Protein backbone atom coordinates (compact mmCIF):
# COMPACT_ATOMS: atom_id res chain seq x y z
CA UNK A 1 188.69 76.87 184.83
CA UNK A 2 192.47 76.51 184.07
CA UNK A 3 193.10 76.23 187.68
CA UNK A 4 189.99 74.64 188.98
CA UNK A 5 187.67 72.35 186.84
CA UNK A 6 184.81 73.20 189.20
CA UNK A 7 184.62 76.59 187.91
CA UNK A 8 182.76 75.16 185.06
CA UNK A 9 179.76 75.22 187.28
CA UNK A 10 179.61 79.00 186.65
CA UNK A 11 177.96 78.03 183.27
CA UNK A 12 174.85 76.36 184.83
CA UNK A 13 174.87 78.99 187.66
CA UNK A 14 174.76 81.81 184.99
CA UNK A 15 171.94 79.91 183.13
CA UNK A 16 169.85 79.55 186.47
CA UNK A 17 170.38 83.41 187.14
CA UNK A 18 169.02 84.41 183.71
CA UNK A 19 166.02 81.88 183.65
CA UNK A 20 164.93 82.42 187.32
CA UNK A 21 163.67 86.02 186.87
CA UNK A 22 161.28 87.11 184.29
CA UNK A 23 162.97 90.29 183.58
CA UNK A 24 166.13 88.75 182.92
CA UNK A 25 165.12 85.97 180.42
CA UNK A 26 165.35 88.44 177.53
CA UNK A 27 169.16 87.78 177.83
CA UNK A 28 168.70 84.25 176.82
CA UNK A 29 167.37 85.69 173.54
CA UNK A 30 170.45 87.88 172.95
CA UNK A 31 173.91 86.61 171.74
CA UNK A 32 175.99 88.16 174.40
CA UNK A 33 175.68 85.11 176.88
CA UNK A 34 176.59 82.64 174.19
CA UNK A 35 179.31 84.63 172.89
CA UNK A 36 180.75 84.81 176.40
CA UNK A 37 180.59 81.06 176.76
CA UNK A 38 182.44 80.71 173.43
CA UNK A 39 185.24 82.94 174.77
CA UNK A 40 185.68 80.74 178.02
CA UNK A 41 185.58 77.65 175.75
CA UNK A 42 188.42 79.18 173.64
CA UNK A 43 190.52 80.05 176.52
CA UNK A 44 190.31 76.45 177.77
CA UNK A 45 190.78 74.76 174.52
CA UNK A 46 194.54 74.63 174.64
CA UNK A 47 193.97 72.62 178.24
CA UNK A 48 191.40 70.42 176.42
CA UNK A 49 193.61 69.60 173.58
CA UNK A 50 196.46 68.68 175.83
CA UNK A 51 194.26 66.46 177.92
CA UNK A 52 193.18 64.46 174.82
CA UNK A 53 196.57 63.97 173.71
CA UNK A 54 197.79 62.81 177.26
CA UNK A 55 195.07 60.47 178.18
CA UNK A 56 192.75 62.92 180.02
CA UNK A 57 195.13 62.49 183.05
CA UNK A 58 193.66 65.51 185.02
CA UNK A 59 190.16 63.95 184.72
CA UNK A 60 191.49 60.39 185.69
CA UNK A 61 192.97 61.87 188.77
CA UNK A 62 189.67 63.43 189.65
CA UNK A 63 187.88 60.17 189.15
CA UNK A 64 190.39 58.49 191.29
CA UNK A 65 189.45 60.90 194.17
CA UNK A 66 185.86 60.38 193.79
CA UNK A 67 186.42 56.69 194.02
CA UNK A 68 187.86 56.92 197.53
CA UNK A 69 184.25 57.04 199.20
CA UNK A 70 182.26 54.50 200.77
CA UNK A 71 178.59 54.49 199.71
CA UNK A 72 177.56 52.35 202.69
CA UNK A 73 178.55 55.39 204.97
CA UNK A 74 176.41 58.25 203.53
CA UNK A 75 175.92 60.11 206.75
CA UNK A 76 179.52 59.98 207.69
CA UNK A 77 180.66 61.39 204.37
CA UNK A 78 178.04 64.04 204.58
CA UNK A 79 179.25 65.11 208.02
CA UNK A 80 182.93 64.95 206.91
CA UNK A 81 181.91 67.30 203.94
CA UNK A 82 180.13 69.89 206.02
CA UNK A 83 182.70 69.67 208.83
CA UNK A 84 185.58 70.37 206.36
CA UNK A 85 183.77 73.39 205.13
CA UNK A 86 183.15 74.69 208.45
CA UNK A 87 186.70 74.20 209.30
CA UNK A 88 188.21 75.83 206.23
CA UNK A 89 185.92 78.89 206.17
CA UNK A 90 185.86 78.78 210.07
CA UNK A 91 182.98 78.07 211.98
CA UNK A 92 181.19 81.56 212.61
CA UNK A 93 181.75 82.62 209.06
CA UNK A 94 180.38 79.50 207.92
CA UNK A 95 177.19 80.17 209.70
CA UNK A 96 177.05 83.73 208.70
CA UNK A 97 177.44 83.01 204.90
CA UNK A 98 174.80 80.26 205.16
CA UNK A 99 172.34 82.55 206.94
CA UNK A 100 173.04 85.48 204.46
CA UNK A 101 172.44 83.03 201.46
CA UNK A 102 169.32 81.87 203.05
CA UNK A 103 168.21 85.47 203.46
CA UNK A 104 169.08 86.52 199.96
CA UNK A 105 167.31 83.39 198.65
CA UNK A 106 164.19 84.22 200.70
CA UNK A 107 164.14 87.86 199.53
CA UNK A 108 165.06 87.36 195.84
CA UNK A 109 161.62 88.43 194.71
CA UNK A 110 161.76 91.76 196.50
CA UNK A 111 162.30 94.99 194.28
CA UNK A 112 165.96 95.48 193.71
CA UNK A 113 166.66 91.82 194.21
CA UNK A 114 168.77 91.15 191.06
CA UNK A 115 171.99 91.36 193.07
CA UNK A 116 170.71 88.98 195.61
CA UNK A 117 169.45 86.59 193.11
CA UNK A 118 172.99 86.87 191.47
CA UNK A 119 175.24 85.84 194.44
CA UNK A 120 172.61 83.29 195.52
CA UNK A 121 172.60 81.44 191.98
CA UNK A 122 176.42 81.41 192.08
CA UNK A 123 176.81 79.87 195.46
CA UNK A 124 173.88 78.07 196.98
CA UNK A 125 173.27 75.46 194.17
CA UNK A 126 177.03 74.63 194.10
CA UNK A 127 176.83 73.91 197.74
CA UNK A 128 173.65 71.83 197.36
CA UNK A 129 175.25 69.75 194.54
CA UNK A 130 178.45 68.91 196.54
CA UNK A 131 176.22 68.10 199.66
CA UNK A 132 174.28 65.62 197.81
CA UNK A 133 177.26 64.18 196.11
CA UNK A 134 178.72 63.67 199.55
CA UNK A 135 175.88 61.22 200.37
CA UNK A 136 177.32 58.93 197.52
CA UNK A 137 181.23 59.49 197.49
CA UNK A 138 184.01 61.22 199.34
CA UNK A 139 184.02 65.01 198.35
CA UNK A 140 187.30 66.77 198.81
CA UNK A 141 187.23 70.04 200.86
CA UNK A 142 188.52 72.32 198.28
CA UNK A 143 186.01 71.28 195.54
CA UNK A 144 183.19 73.54 196.82
CA UNK A 145 185.77 76.62 196.87
CA UNK A 146 183.98 78.29 194.05
CA UNK A 147 180.70 78.53 196.05
CA UNK A 148 182.25 80.59 198.73
CA UNK A 149 182.99 83.37 196.43
CA UNK A 150 179.38 84.35 195.90
CA UNK A 151 178.72 83.56 199.75
CA UNK A 152 181.29 85.98 200.75
CA UNK A 153 179.64 88.60 198.54
CA UNK A 154 176.21 87.91 200.17
CA UNK A 155 177.70 87.98 203.60
CA UNK A 156 179.34 91.41 203.01
CA UNK A 157 176.04 92.72 201.76
CA UNK A 158 174.19 91.19 204.61
CA UNK A 159 176.46 92.84 207.08
CA UNK A 160 176.53 96.12 205.40
CA UNK A 161 172.80 96.29 205.42
CA UNK A 162 172.91 95.72 209.21
CA UNK A 163 175.30 98.59 209.60
CA UNK A 164 172.87 100.96 208.13
CA UNK A 165 169.93 99.59 209.87
CA UNK A 166 171.95 99.93 213.24
CA UNK A 167 172.85 103.57 212.55
CA UNK A 168 169.28 104.66 211.65
CA UNK A 169 167.25 102.60 214.00
CA UNK A 170 169.48 102.56 216.98
CA UNK A 171 169.54 106.25 217.31
CA UNK A 172 173.01 106.91 216.15
CA UNK A 173 174.13 109.09 213.24
CA UNK A 174 173.17 107.93 209.86
CA UNK A 175 175.62 106.55 207.54
CA UNK A 176 175.27 109.61 205.13
CA UNK A 177 174.53 113.25 205.74
CA UNK A 178 170.96 114.20 206.24
CA UNK A 179 169.58 116.60 203.44
CA UNK A 180 168.56 120.08 204.08
CA UNK A 181 164.97 121.01 203.57
CA UNK A 182 163.95 120.85 200.19
CA UNK A 183 166.81 118.63 198.89
CA UNK A 184 166.58 114.90 198.04
CA UNK A 185 168.34 112.26 200.00
CA UNK A 186 170.17 109.43 198.01
CA UNK A 187 170.87 106.12 199.83
CA UNK A 188 173.92 104.11 198.93
CA UNK A 189 173.38 101.76 196.04
CA UNK A 190 175.76 99.29 197.64
CA UNK A 191 173.49 98.27 200.45
CA UNK A 192 172.30 95.06 199.08
CA UNK A 193 170.71 94.19 202.34
CA UNK A 194 168.65 97.41 202.80
CA UNK A 195 165.52 97.65 204.84
CA UNK A 196 161.95 99.16 204.25
CA UNK A 197 160.39 102.26 205.47
CA UNK A 198 162.77 105.07 204.15
CA UNK A 199 161.84 108.06 202.10
CA UNK A 200 163.60 109.69 199.10
CA UNK A 201 162.77 112.91 197.18
CA UNK A 202 164.08 113.63 193.66
CA UNK A 203 163.68 116.77 191.54
CA UNK A 204 162.50 116.48 188.05
CA UNK A 205 163.44 119.12 185.24
CA UNK A 206 159.97 118.57 183.67
CA UNK A 207 157.50 120.36 185.98
CA UNK A 208 156.95 123.51 187.86
CA UNK A 209 158.38 124.42 191.03
CA UNK A 210 156.41 122.85 194.16
CA UNK A 211 154.61 120.15 192.13
CA UNK A 212 155.35 116.31 192.75
CA UNK A 213 154.92 113.19 191.04
CA UNK A 214 155.47 109.63 191.88
CA UNK A 215 157.67 107.06 190.10
CA UNK A 216 160.06 104.15 190.60
CA UNK A 217 163.59 104.45 192.01
CA UNK A 218 166.20 101.66 191.41
CA UNK A 219 167.03 102.18 195.11
CA UNK A 220 163.66 101.69 196.72
CA UNK A 221 161.61 98.83 197.61
CA UNK A 222 158.23 98.15 199.06
CA UNK A 223 157.17 100.24 201.92
CA UNK A 224 159.09 103.46 201.29
CA UNK A 225 157.94 106.83 199.86
CA UNK A 226 159.66 108.96 197.40
CA UNK A 227 158.37 112.43 196.36
CA UNK A 228 159.46 113.71 192.92
CA UNK A 229 158.04 116.58 190.62
CA UNK A 230 155.45 115.64 188.02
CA UNK A 231 153.76 117.74 185.40
CA UNK A 232 150.56 115.76 185.92
CA UNK A 233 149.75 116.70 189.46
CA UNK A 234 148.71 119.55 191.50
CA UNK A 235 150.90 121.28 193.80
CA UNK A 236 151.42 119.53 197.18
CA UNK A 237 150.16 115.94 195.93
CA UNK A 238 152.58 113.07 196.48
CA UNK A 239 152.62 109.40 195.85
CA UNK A 240 154.59 106.61 197.47
CA UNK A 241 156.84 103.91 196.20
CA UNK A 242 158.73 101.34 198.31
CA UNK A 243 162.24 101.42 199.61
CA UNK A 244 164.48 98.65 201.12
CA UNK A 245 166.83 101.22 202.85
CA UNK A 246 165.33 101.43 206.29
CA UNK A 247 164.19 99.07 209.13
CA UNK A 248 161.03 99.10 211.02
CA UNK A 249 161.57 100.44 214.33
CA UNK A 250 163.75 99.56 217.21
CA UNK A 251 163.17 95.77 216.92
CA UNK A 252 164.87 95.93 213.40
CA UNK A 253 167.75 98.20 214.96
CA UNK A 254 168.40 95.56 217.72
CA UNK A 255 168.52 92.75 215.21
CA UNK A 256 171.03 94.85 213.04
CA UNK A 257 173.15 95.55 215.89
CA UNK A 258 173.04 91.78 216.86
CA UNK A 259 174.27 91.00 213.42
CA UNK A 260 177.13 93.30 213.55
CA UNK A 261 178.23 91.79 216.80
CA UNK A 262 178.00 88.39 215.19
CA UNK A 263 180.24 89.85 212.33
CA UNK A 264 182.98 91.08 214.78
CA UNK A 265 182.81 87.73 216.72
CA UNK A 266 183.20 85.81 213.24
CA UNK A 267 186.24 88.01 212.38
CA UNK A 268 188.08 87.51 215.71
CA UNK A 269 187.22 83.63 215.58
CA UNK A 270 188.53 83.22 212.09
CA UNK A 271 191.75 85.30 213.02
CA UNK A 272 192.33 83.15 216.13
CA UNK A 273 191.67 79.76 214.34
CA UNK A 274 194.06 80.58 211.58
CA UNK A 275 196.78 81.67 213.95
CA UNK A 276 196.43 78.39 216.16
CA UNK A 277 196.27 76.19 213.19
CA UNK A 278 199.36 77.64 211.42
CA UNK A 279 201.57 78.35 214.58
CA UNK A 280 201.82 75.27 216.75
CA UNK A 281 203.91 77.07 219.06
CA UNK A 282 201.40 79.52 220.08
CA UNK A 283 199.12 76.64 221.02
CA UNK A 284 201.86 75.40 223.45
CA UNK A 285 201.99 78.71 224.89
CA UNK A 286 198.36 78.90 225.54
CA UNK A 287 198.24 75.36 226.96
CA UNK A 288 196.41 73.93 223.91
CA UNK A 289 197.49 70.45 222.95
CA UNK A 290 196.30 68.85 219.82
CA UNK A 291 197.17 65.29 218.98
CA UNK A 292 199.46 64.90 215.91
CA UNK A 293 197.31 62.83 214.06
CA UNK A 294 194.60 65.50 214.08
CA UNK A 295 196.85 68.33 213.19
CA UNK A 296 197.53 69.02 209.36
CA UNK A 297 200.46 71.54 210.43
CA UNK A 298 202.40 68.29 211.61
CA UNK A 299 203.29 67.96 207.83
CA UNK A 300 205.65 70.95 208.05
CA UNK A 301 208.19 68.60 209.94
CA UNK A 302 210.30 65.70 209.04
CA UNK A 303 211.78 66.79 205.92
CA UNK A 304 215.29 67.23 206.94
CA UNK A 305 215.37 64.02 208.91
CA UNK A 306 214.06 62.24 205.85
CA UNK A 307 216.70 63.62 203.78
CA UNK A 308 219.40 62.68 206.03
CA UNK A 309 218.19 59.06 206.25
CA UNK A 310 218.04 59.16 202.42
CA UNK A 311 221.71 60.21 202.08
CA UNK A 312 222.87 57.59 204.37
CA UNK A 313 221.05 54.75 202.71
CA UNK A 314 221.95 55.80 199.29
CA UNK A 315 225.47 55.84 200.12
CA UNK A 316 225.16 52.37 201.71
CA UNK A 317 223.52 51.16 198.46
CA UNK A 318 226.55 52.34 196.54
CA UNK A 319 229.15 50.87 198.74
CA UNK A 320 227.45 47.41 199.11
CA UNK A 321 228.25 46.59 195.32
CA UNK A 322 231.51 45.23 194.01
CA UNK A 323 233.28 47.62 191.65
CA UNK A 324 232.09 46.12 188.53
CA UNK A 325 228.43 46.05 189.86
CA UNK A 326 228.88 49.56 191.10
CA UNK A 327 229.99 50.86 187.74
CA UNK A 328 227.06 49.03 185.93
CA UNK A 329 224.59 50.51 188.37
CA UNK A 330 225.73 53.93 187.77
CA UNK A 331 225.44 53.36 184.15
CA UNK A 332 221.88 52.17 184.71
CA UNK A 333 221.01 55.35 186.58
CA UNK A 334 220.96 54.37 190.29
CA UNK A 335 220.18 54.63 193.03
CA UNK A 336 217.43 57.31 192.76
CA UNK A 337 215.01 58.29 195.29
CA UNK A 338 211.30 57.48 194.82
CA UNK A 339 207.85 56.75 196.31
CA UNK A 340 204.50 55.69 195.62
CA UNK A 341 202.73 58.87 196.46
CA UNK A 342 203.52 62.19 195.00
CA UNK A 343 203.81 64.03 198.48
CA UNK A 344 206.48 61.49 199.62
CA UNK A 345 208.24 61.90 196.22
CA UNK A 346 208.05 65.66 196.16
CA UNK A 347 209.32 66.04 199.80
CA UNK A 348 212.29 63.81 199.11
CA UNK A 349 213.09 65.62 195.92
CA UNK A 350 213.10 69.08 197.89
CA UNK A 351 214.97 68.17 201.01
CA UNK A 352 217.56 65.60 199.72
CA UNK A 353 220.89 67.65 199.05
CA UNK A 354 221.21 68.77 195.68
CA UNK A 355 217.37 68.27 195.02
CA UNK A 356 217.62 65.22 192.63
CA UNK A 357 214.62 64.32 190.53
CA UNK A 358 212.51 61.75 192.34
CA UNK A 359 210.57 58.96 190.74
CA UNK A 360 206.74 58.19 191.70
CA UNK A 361 205.94 54.42 191.24
CA UNK A 362 202.31 54.12 190.09
CA UNK A 363 201.53 50.85 192.19
CA UNK A 364 197.94 51.19 192.84
CA UNK A 365 198.19 55.01 193.53
CA UNK A 366 196.34 57.61 191.79
CA UNK A 367 197.51 59.71 188.86
CA UNK A 368 199.58 62.80 189.57
CA UNK A 369 202.06 65.10 187.77
CA UNK A 370 205.05 62.71 188.29
CA UNK A 371 203.53 60.71 185.22
CA UNK A 372 205.27 63.34 183.20
CA UNK A 373 208.31 64.13 185.69
CA UNK A 374 209.43 60.48 186.01
CA UNK A 375 211.61 60.45 182.72
CA UNK A 376 213.80 63.14 184.28
CA UNK A 377 214.61 61.10 187.29
CA UNK A 378 216.88 58.82 185.32
CA UNK A 379 215.71 55.44 186.40
CA UNK A 380 216.33 52.76 183.82
CA UNK A 381 215.99 48.92 183.51
CA UNK A 382 218.18 47.24 186.12
CA UNK A 383 218.47 50.52 188.03
CA UNK A 384 218.30 50.78 191.74
CA UNK A 385 216.02 53.08 193.93
CA UNK A 386 215.59 54.06 197.64
CA UNK A 387 211.86 54.26 198.21
CA UNK A 388 210.09 56.14 200.96
CA UNK A 389 206.81 55.12 202.33
CA UNK A 390 204.58 55.52 205.21
CA UNK A 391 203.72 51.85 205.69
CA UNK A 392 205.84 49.22 207.39
CA UNK A 393 206.98 45.86 205.42
CA UNK A 394 204.44 43.77 207.36
CA UNK A 395 201.35 46.12 206.26
CA UNK A 396 199.15 44.26 203.86
CA UNK A 397 198.31 47.59 202.20
CA UNK A 398 202.02 48.25 201.30
CA UNK A 399 202.57 48.87 197.62
CA UNK A 400 204.01 45.64 195.86
CA UNK A 401 207.48 46.82 195.13
CA UNK A 402 208.72 43.44 194.43
CA UNK A 403 206.61 43.49 191.26
CA UNK A 404 208.94 46.07 189.63
CA UNK A 405 212.22 45.14 191.30
CA UNK A 406 214.35 41.94 191.45
CA UNK A 407 215.01 42.43 195.12
CA UNK A 408 213.78 44.40 197.89
CA UNK A 409 215.28 45.14 201.21
CA UNK A 410 213.42 47.03 203.95
CA UNK A 411 215.66 49.37 206.10
CA UNK A 412 215.57 47.96 209.71
CA UNK A 413 215.11 51.29 211.41
CA UNK A 414 212.40 53.68 210.40
CA UNK A 415 212.72 57.44 210.34
CA UNK A 416 210.67 58.44 213.41
CA UNK A 417 210.31 62.09 213.64
CA UNK A 418 209.51 63.80 217.09
CA UNK A 419 208.92 67.61 217.72
CA UNK A 420 209.60 68.06 221.29
CA UNK A 421 207.59 70.50 223.05
CA UNK A 422 204.55 70.54 220.77
CA UNK A 423 203.46 66.85 220.29
CA UNK A 424 203.90 64.07 222.77
CA UNK A 425 203.93 61.39 220.11
CA UNK A 426 205.82 61.15 216.83
CA UNK A 427 204.49 63.48 213.94
CA UNK A 428 205.38 61.11 211.16
CA UNK A 429 207.24 57.78 210.64
CA UNK A 430 209.00 56.98 207.34
CA UNK A 431 209.82 53.54 206.20
CA UNK A 432 212.65 53.07 203.59
CA UNK A 433 213.15 50.22 201.17
CA UNK A 434 216.31 49.39 199.24
CA UNK A 435 215.24 48.19 195.73
CA UNK A 436 217.50 46.46 193.30
CA UNK A 437 217.13 45.68 189.48
CA UNK A 438 214.22 47.87 188.20
CA UNK A 439 212.02 45.78 186.06
CA UNK A 440 209.55 48.42 184.12
């Protein structure tokens, strides 16, 4: 929770896990779950105390993000959320994880289903929550990241079970050695997605040689047989208990092999999409053209061009004043570089030579970390600033710089960034504003 507040959803997920199965509800009467919750609260308490002193700024930031939605367009927002999840996870892995969660939820009541129920509870309810929330407001793509932890575990078990099923039912070698006559076979406990129909024998030290008994095994489910010695049976008698570790016939083997094929295709798809998204030159080599406005990797470009323009304009601002005014401006801490959004402010602070402290003006923009970094920028009353923005001076949505400065002069020539050979249009355009006489 120190890094992502949505991790707080782990508490209701754990409660659902314990309350959802009769054999687990006894834990709700024990102190351990509540002690664990108190430990988590104690670890988070310094952060809560800081938030209380500083006006709950992180929560104000999140509220600002949720306010960006449009309740009149629920289907569009839902599509944006589902599409963002498929894009981040990559489409085939997204489908595979959803299928694994569906399968685990469907089979949660089978013997040995505690593990399936655990990963289902820590994933599916979170995805459902944010899906419903997307009908009301805009949901950021990274908010549901917590849900994919459990989904990844479910997917691994789903594919692992398919691997064992394909090995046995498809006529290939089994994943573990076959036992010799008279010895017991023990399937792997890691196969969460096991199949029905296997047998397992287990010796008992409490009976005569050759007798058998029946009893439950933690690795077996409905439909399997297991022989084990018993002091209460005649020699040669047997009893069966179920096992989930084997498929039913060649049909199950074909389904398992299809699932394995899907898993390999998903890996190749994820690797290809990741490479194409992060390496624009590779797309060009393959003849794939993506418009700059749809490509998030375009944000990697433009920092040096912006820095060069900022240095030039800040030099112009210093030279435009008469000597007494120039000295007065230096005393008042100007000119500094600033912006109304943290991405522009941080980019200027990184690329401008000397890496000066930037100032973020909160003029209708949401809260961010610059609320606490601004004092280090040195902007004082009467000081000057060069502001970087993405909007031209005639845009009605441009922040009202004139409300905090005595005079605002738009720089005539914007900073237009081209990346030749990759994009056919500008990747980003910056507009600069010379602002004089800060009025906080």
